Amino acid sequence: MPAGATWGQYISFSIAAMLSMLTGSQVVHQYYKPLVDLNKYINKELENLPENLQVKIRKELQDDGVLN
């Protein structure tokens, strides 16, 4: 094992690291709410594309449930 750690130490560290990452990502999503204004950013970026491409991408995104 790396650095002379036993299997028990290695597994417990791995579990603690994974739980820490999952908790951190959940806290970020609860506090900053990064997906709330996703539609606004998608529409803003679509405005830079040609009209025929905008229509195609909007339809695909609506079919996938990303845009309302």
PDB file of N, CA and C in Angstrom:
ATOM      1  N   MET A   1       0.836  -1.182   0.000  1.00  0.00           N
ATOM      2  CA  MET A   1       0.000   0.000   0.000  1.00  0.00           C
ATOM      3  C   MET A   1       0.881   1.246   0.000  1.00  0.00           C
ATOM      4  N   PRO A   2       0.317   2.339  -0.504  1.00  0.00           N
ATOM      5  CA  PRO A   2       1.086   3.583  -0.558  1.00  0.00           C
ATOM      6  C   PRO A   2       1.447   4.098   0.833  1.00  0.00           C
ATOM      7  N   ALA A   3       2.645   4.548   0.971  1.00  0.00           N
ATOM      8  CA  ALA A   3       3.142   5.177   2.202  1.00  0.00           C
ATOM      9  C   ALA A   3       3.050   4.255   3.409  1.00  0.00           C
ATOM     10  N   GLY A   4       3.056   2.977   3.214  1.00  0.00           N
ATOM     11  CA  GLY A   4       3.055   2.026   4.318  1.00  0.00           C
ATOM     12  C   GLY A   4       1.755   1.964   5.089  1.00  0.00           C
ATOM     13  N   ALA A   5       0.659   2.423   4.512  1.00  0.00           N
ATOM     14  CA  ALA A   5      -0.636   2.379   5.203  1.00  0.00           C
ATOM     15  C   ALA A   5      -1.236   0.987   5.070  1.00  0.00           C
ATOM     16  N   THR A   6      -1.980   0.599   6.064  1.00  0.00           N
ATOM     17  CA  THR A   6      -2.649  -0.702   6.008  1.00  0.00           C
ATOM     18  C   THR A   6      -3.895  -0.585   5.128  1.00  0.00           C
ATOM     19  N   TRP A   7      -4.466  -1.733   4.780  1.00  0.00           N
ATOM     20  CA  TRP A   7      -5.677  -1.733   3.964  1.00  0.00           C
ATOM     21  C   TRP A   7      -6.813  -1.009   4.683  1.00  0.00           C
ATOM     22  N   GLY A   8      -6.940  -1.203   5.967  1.00  0.00           N
ATOM     23  CA  GLY A   8      -8.001  -0.550   6.732  1.00  0.00           C
ATOM     24  C   GLY A   8      -7.865   0.963   6.705  1.00  0.00           C
ATOM     25  N   GLN A   9      -6.641   1.461   6.903  1.00  0.00           N
ATOM     26  CA  GLN A   9      -6.411   2.900   6.853  1.00  0.00           C
ATOM     27  C   GLN A   9      -6.684   3.448   5.455  1.00  0.00           C
ATOM     28  N   TYR A  10      -6.244   2.712   4.453  1.00  0.00           N
ATOM     29  CA  TYR A  10      -6.417   3.134   3.071  1.00  0.00           C
ATOM     30  C   TYR A  10      -7.901   3.218   2.711  1.00  0.00           C
ATOM     31  N   ILE A  11      -8.665   2.201   3.088  1.00  0.00           N
ATOM     32  CA  ILE A  11     -10.098   2.178   2.775  1.00  0.00           C
ATOM     33  C   ILE A  11     -10.844   3.246   3.557  1.00  0.00           C
ATOM     34  N   SER A  12     -10.519   3.410   4.831  1.00  0.00           N
ATOM     35  CA  SER A  12     -11.212   4.433   5.629  1.00  0.00           C
ATOM     36  C   SER A  12     -10.888   5.834   5.113  1.00  0.00           C
ATOM     37  N   PHE A  13      -9.654   6.073   4.690  1.00  0.00           N
ATOM     38  CA  PHE A  13      -9.310   7.379   4.117  1.00  0.00           C
ATOM     39  C   PHE A  13     -10.064   7.595   2.803  1.00  0.00           C
ATOM     40  N   SER A  14     -10.153   6.569   1.984  1.00  0.00           N
ATOM     41  CA  SER A  14     -10.853   6.692   0.699  1.00  0.00           C
ATOM     42  C   SER A  14     -12.330   6.996   0.912  1.00  0.00           C
ATOM     43  N   ILE A  15     -12.955   6.330   1.865  1.00  0.00           N
ATOM     44  CA  ILE A  15     -14.369   6.583   2.158  1.00  0.00           C
ATOM     45  C   ILE A  15     -14.557   7.996   2.697  1.00  0.00           C
ATOM     46  N   ALA A  16     -13.676   8.426   3.592  1.00  0.00           N
ATOM     47  CA  ALA A  16     -13.779   9.779   4.148  1.00  0.00           C
ATOM     48  C   ALA A  16     -13.587  10.829   3.055  1.00  0.00           C
ATOM     49  N   ALA A  17     -12.657  10.598   2.143  1.00  0.00           N
ATOM     50  CA  ALA A  17     -12.425  11.542   1.050  1.00  0.00           C
ATOM     51  C   ALA A  17     -13.634  11.610   0.127  1.00  0.00           C
ATOM     52  N   MET A  18     -14.226  10.480  -0.188  1.00  0.00           N
ATOM     53  CA  MET A  18     -15.385  10.452  -1.070  1.00  0.00           C
ATOM     54  C   MET A  18     -16.578  11.159  -0.411  1.00  0.00           C
ATOM     55  N   LEU A  19     -16.831  10.883   0.860  1.00  0.00           N
ATOM     56  CA  LEU A  19     -17.933  11.550   1.562  1.00  0.00           C
ATOM     57  C   LEU A  19     -17.712  13.057   1.643  1.00  0.00           C
ATOM     58  N   SER A  20     -16.467  13.457   1.832  1.00  0.00           N
ATOM     59  CA  SER A  20     -16.137  14.876   1.882  1.00  0.00           C
ATOM     60  C   SER A  20     -16.416  15.547   0.535  1.00  0.00           C
ATOM     61  N   MET A  21     -16.047  14.903  -0.566  1.00  0.00           N
ATOM     62  CA  MET A  21     -16.308  15.467  -1.890  1.00  0.00           C
ATOM     63  C   MET A  21     -17.793  15.557  -2.178  1.00  0.00           C
ATOM     64  N   LEU A  22     -18.539  14.511  -1.839  1.00  0.00           N
ATOM     65  CA  LEU A  22     -19.981  14.517  -2.078  1.00  0.00           C
ATOM     66  C   LEU A  22     -20.678  15.596  -1.257  1.00  0.00           C
ATOM     67  N   THR A  23     -20.278  15.729  -0.004  1.00  0.00           N
ATOM     68  CA  THR A  23     -20.854  16.752   0.862  1.00  0.00           C
ATOM     69  C   THR A  23     -20.534  18.145   0.342  1.00  0.00           C
ATOM     70  N   GLY A  24     -19.294  18.347  -0.088  1.00  0.00           N
ATOM     71  CA  GLY A  24     -18.886  19.651  -0.615  1.00  0.00           C
ATOM     72  C   GLY A  24     -19.664  20.035  -1.852  1.00  0.00           C
ATOM     73  N   SER A  25     -19.851  19.107  -2.760  1.00  0.00           N
ATOM     74  CA  SER A  25     -20.597  19.435  -3.982  1.00  0.00           C
ATOM     75  C   SER A  25     -22.058  19.714  -3.661  1.00  0.00           C
ATOM     76  N   GLN A  26     -22.628  19.002  -2.718  1.00  0.00           N
ATOM     77  CA  GLN A  26     -24.019  19.245  -2.330  1.00  0.00           C
ATOM     78  C   GLN A  26     -24.171  20.621  -1.690  1.00  0.00           C
ATOM     79  N   VAL A  27     -23.223  21.001  -0.849  1.00  0.00           N
ATOM     80  CA  VAL A  27     -23.265  22.321  -0.205  1.00  0.00           C
ATOM     81  C   VAL A  27     -23.185  23.421  -1.255  1.00  0.00           C
ATOM     82  N   VAL A  28     -22.306  23.261  -2.246  1.00  0.00           N
ATOM     83  CA  VAL A  28     -22.175  24.262  -3.302  1.00  0.00           C
ATOM     84  C   VAL A  28     -23.493  24.410  -4.055  1.00  0.00           C
ATOM     85  N   HIS A  29     -24.133  23.307  -4.401  1.00  0.00           N
ATOM     86  CA  HIS A  29     -25.380  23.384  -5.145  1.00  0.00           C
ATOM     87  C   HIS A  29     -26.518  23.951  -4.307  1.00  0.00           C
ATOM     88  N   GLN A  30     -26.522  23.713  -3.013  1.00  0.00           N
ATOM     89  CA  GLN A  30     -27.564  24.256  -2.158  1.00  0.00           C
ATOM     90  C   GLN A  30     -27.357  25.751  -1.896  1.00  0.00           C
ATOM     91  N   TYR A  31     -26.106  26.178  -1.782  1.00  0.00           N
ATOM     92  CA  TYR A  31     -25.807  27.565  -1.432  1.00  0.00           C
ATOM     93  C   TYR A  31     -25.795  28.472  -2.656  1.00  0.00           C
ATOM     94  N   TYR A  32     -25.065  28.087  -3.719  1.00  0.00           N
ATOM     95  CA  TYR A  32     -24.899  28.942  -4.891  1.00  0.00           C
ATOM     96  C   TYR A  32     -25.980  28.725  -5.953  1.00  0.00           C
ATOM     97  N   LYS A  33     -26.654  27.594  -5.951  1.00  0.00           N
ATOM     98  CA  LYS A  33     -27.706  27.264  -6.907  1.00  0.00           C
ATOM     99  C   LYS A  33     -27.273  27.553  -8.349  1.00  0.00           C
ATOM    100  N   PRO A  34     -26.239  26.858  -8.843  1.00  0.00           N
ATOM    101  CA  PRO A  34     -25.685  27.184 -10.150  1.00  0.00           C
ATOM    102  C   PRO A  34     -26.585  26.847 -11.336  1.00  0.00           C
ATOM    103  N   LEU A  35     -27.576  26.000 -11.175  1.00  0.00           N
ATOM    104  CA  LEU A  35     -28.406  25.600 -12.311  1.00  0.00           C
ATOM    105  C   LEU A  35     -29.704  26.384 -12.416  1.00  0.00           C
ATOM    106  N   VAL A  36     -29.940  27.319 -11.510  1.00  0.00           N
ATOM    107  CA  VAL A  36     -31.199  28.050 -11.509  1.00  0.00           C
ATOM    108  C   VAL A  36     -31.349  28.902 -12.770  1.00  0.00           C
ATOM    109  N   ASP A  37     -30.286  29.569 -13.190  1.00  0.00           N
ATOM    110  CA  ASP A  37     -30.371  30.460 -14.350  1.00  0.00           C
ATOM    111  C   ASP A  37     -29.707  29.867 -15.589  1.00  0.00           C
ATOM    112  N   LEU A  38     -29.705  28.572 -15.696  1.00  0.00           N
ATOM    113  CA  LEU A  38     -29.089  27.904 -16.846  1.00  0.00           C
ATOM    114  C   LEU A  38     -29.793  28.268 -18.146  1.00  0.00           C
ATOM    115  N   ASN A  39     -31.119  28.359 -18.134  1.00  0.00           N
ATOM    116  CA  ASN A  39     -31.862  28.712 -19.353  1.00  0.00           C
ATOM    117  C   ASN A  39     -31.438  30.070 -19.890  1.00  0.00           C
ATOM    118  N   LYS A  40     -31.201  31.025 -18.989  1.00  0.00           N
ATOM    119  CA  LYS A  40     -30.792  32.367 -19.400  1.00  0.00           C
ATOM    120  C   LYS A  40     -29.462  32.318 -20.145  1.00  0.00           C
ATOM    121  N   TYR A  41     -28.509  31.561 -19.632  1.00  0.00           N
ATOM    122  CA  TYR A  41     -27.202  31.479 -20.266  1.00  0.00           C
ATOM    123  C   TYR A  41     -27.252  30.721 -21.589  1.00  0.00           C
ATOM    124  N   ILE A  42     -28.074  29.685 -21.655  1.00  0.00           N
ATOM    125  CA  ILE A  42     -28.213  28.937 -22.908  1.00  0.00           C
ATOM    126  C   ILE A  42     -28.809  29.842 -23.977  1.00  0.00           C
ATOM    127  N   ASN A  43     -29.870  30.575 -23.639  1.00  0.00           N
ATOM    128  CA  ASN A  43     -30.498  31.475 -24.609  1.00  0.00           C
ATOM    129  C   ASN A  43     -29.545  32.571 -25.055  1.00  0.00           C
ATOM    130  N   LYS A  44     -28.745  33.089 -24.146  1.00  0.00           N
ATOM    131  CA  LYS A  44     -27.782  34.135 -24.482  1.00  0.00           C
ATOM    132  C   LYS A  44     -26.743  33.609 -25.484  1.00  0.00           C
ATOM    133  N   GLU A  45     -26.273  32.397 -25.277  1.00  0.00           N
ATOM    134  CA  GLU A  45     -25.287  31.816 -26.193  1.00  0.00           C
ATOM    135  C   GLU A  45     -25.913  31.450 -27.533  1.00  0.00           C
ATOM    136  N   LEU A  46     -27.162  31.028 -27.520  1.00  0.00           N
ATOM    137  CA  LEU A  46     -27.830  30.680 -28.771  1.00  0.00           C
ATOM    138  C   LEU A  46     -28.042  31.896 -29.670  1.00  0.00           C
ATOM    139  N   GLU A  47     -28.169  33.080 -29.076  1.00  0.00           N
ATOM    140  CA  GLU A  47     -28.358  34.296 -29.870  1.00  0.00           C
ATOM    141  C   GLU A  47     -27.165  34.585 -30.772  1.00  0.00           C
ATOM    142  N   ASN A  48     -25.991  34.046 -30.444  1.00  0.00           N
ATOM    143  CA  ASN A  48     -24.786  34.277 -31.246  1.00  0.00           C
ATOM    144  C   ASN A  48     -24.707  33.361 -32.460  1.00  0.00           C
ATOM    145  N   LEU A  49     -25.631  32.410 -32.569  1.00  0.00           N
ATOM    146  CA  LEU A  49     -25.604  31.439 -33.662  1.00  0.00           C
ATOM    147  C   LEU A  49     -26.580  31.840 -34.759  1.00  0.00           C
ATOM    148  N   PRO A  50     -26.378  31.310 -35.964  1.00  0.00           N
ATOM    149  CA  PRO A  50     -27.344  31.579 -37.045  1.00  0.00           C
ATOM    150  C   PRO A  50     -28.735  31.056 -36.684  1.00  0.00           C
ATOM    151  N   GLU A  51     -29.760  31.676 -37.273  1.00  0.00           N
ATOM    152  CA  GLU A  51     -31.155  31.373 -36.920  1.00  0.00           C
ATOM    153  C   GLU A  51     -31.511  29.909 -37.133  1.00  0.00           C
ATOM    154  N   ASN A  52     -31.087  29.333 -38.264  1.00  0.00           N
ATOM    155  CA  ASN A  52     -31.448  27.936 -38.529  1.00  0.00           C
ATOM    156  C   ASN A  52     -30.820  26.989 -37.513  1.00  0.00           C
ATOM    157  N   LEU A  53     -29.627  27.303 -37.062  1.00  0.00           N
ATOM    158  CA  LEU A  53     -28.956  26.481 -36.058  1.00  0.00           C
ATOM    159  C   LEU A  53     -29.601  26.667 -34.689  1.00  0.00           C
ATOM    160  N   GLN A  54     -30.027  27.903 -34.392  1.00  0.00           N
ATOM    161  CA  GLN A  54     -30.714  28.174 -33.118  1.00  0.00           C
ATOM    162  C   GLN A  54     -31.970  27.320 -32.985  1.00  0.00           C
ATOM    163  N   VAL A  55     -32.759  27.275 -34.060  1.00  0.00           N
ATOM    164  CA  VAL A  55     -34.015  26.533 -34.026  1.00  0.00           C
ATOM    165  C   VAL A  55     -33.742  25.052 -33.787  1.00  0.00           C
ATOM    166  N   LYS A  56     -32.742  24.521 -34.483  1.00  0.00           N
ATOM    167  CA  LYS A  56     -32.421  23.096 -34.344  1.00  0.00           C
ATOM    168  C   LYS A  56     -31.973  22.769 -32.918  1.00  0.00           C
ATOM    169  N   ILE A  57     -31.078  23.590 -32.366  1.00  0.00           N
ATOM    170  CA  ILE A  57     -30.549  23.336 -31.020  1.00  0.00           C
ATOM    171  C   ILE A  57     -31.638  23.517 -29.968  1.00  0.00           C
ATOM    172  N   ARG A  58     -32.479  24.558 -30.118  1.00  0.00           N
ATOM    173  CA  ARG A  58     -33.569  24.762 -29.161  1.00  0.00           C
ATOM    174  C   ARG A  58     -34.519  23.561 -29.138  1.00  0.00           C
ATOM    175  N   LYS A  59     -34.832  23.033 -30.330  1.00  0.00           N
ATOM    176  CA  LYS A  59     -35.733  21.879 -30.402  1.00  0.00           C
ATOM    177  C   LYS A  59     -35.104  20.678 -29.705  1.00  0.00           C
ATOM    178  N   GLU A  60     -33.818  20.432 -29.953  1.00  0.00           N
ATOM    179  CA  GLU A  60     -33.141  19.304 -29.307  1.00  0.00           C
ATOM    180  C   GLU A  60     -33.109  19.465 -27.794  1.00  0.00           C
ATOM    181  N   LEU A  61     -32.820  20.676 -27.323  1.00  0.00           N
ATOM    182  CA  LEU A  61     -32.772  20.927 -25.885  1.00  0.00           C
ATOM    183  C   LEU A  61     -34.156  20.800 -25.245  1.00  0.00           C
ATOM    184  N   GLN A  62     -35.187  21.215 -25.953  1.00  0.00           N
ATOM    185  CA  GLN A  62     -36.545  21.073 -25.415  1.00  0.00           C
ATOM    186  C   GLN A  62     -36.962  19.596 -25.383  1.00  0.00           C
ATOM    187  N   ASP A  63     -36.565  18.847 -26.402  1.00  0.00           N
ATOM    188  CA  ASP A  63     -36.878  17.422 -26.419  1.00  0.00           C
ATOM    189  C   ASP A  63     -36.179  16.692 -25.272  1.00  0.00           C
ATOM    190  N   ASP A  64     -34.969  17.146 -24.932  1.00  0.00           N
ATOM    191  CA  ASP A  64     -34.211  16.530 -23.838  1.00  0.00           C
ATOM    192  C   ASP A  64     -34.655  17.030 -22.472  1.00  0.00           C
ATOM    193  N   GLY A  65     -35.504  18.082 -22.445  1.00  0.00           N
ATOM    194  CA  GLY A  65     -35.990  18.602 -21.188  1.00  0.00           C
ATOM    195  C   GLY A  65     -35.077  19.620 -20.528  1.00  0.00           C
ATOM    196  N   VAL A  66     -34.085  20.124 -21.272  1.00  0.00           N
ATOM    197  CA  VAL A  66     -33.168  21.108 -20.706  1.00  0.00           C
ATOM    198  C   VAL A  66     -33.794  22.492 -20.732  1.00  0.00           C
ATOM    199  N   LEU A  67     -34.402  22.850 -21.857  1.00  0.00           N
ATOM    200  CA  LEU A  67     -35.079  24.149 -21.988  1.00  0.00           C
ATOM    201  C   LEU A  67     -36.579  23.956 -21.862  1.00  0.00           C
ATOM    202  N   ASN A  68     -37.225  24.936 -21.298  1.00  0.00           N
ATOM    203  CA  ASN A  68     -38.693  24.885 -21.173  1.00  0.00           C
ATOM    204  C   ASN A  68     -39.341  25.660 -22.268  1.00  0.00           C
TER     205      ASN A  68
END
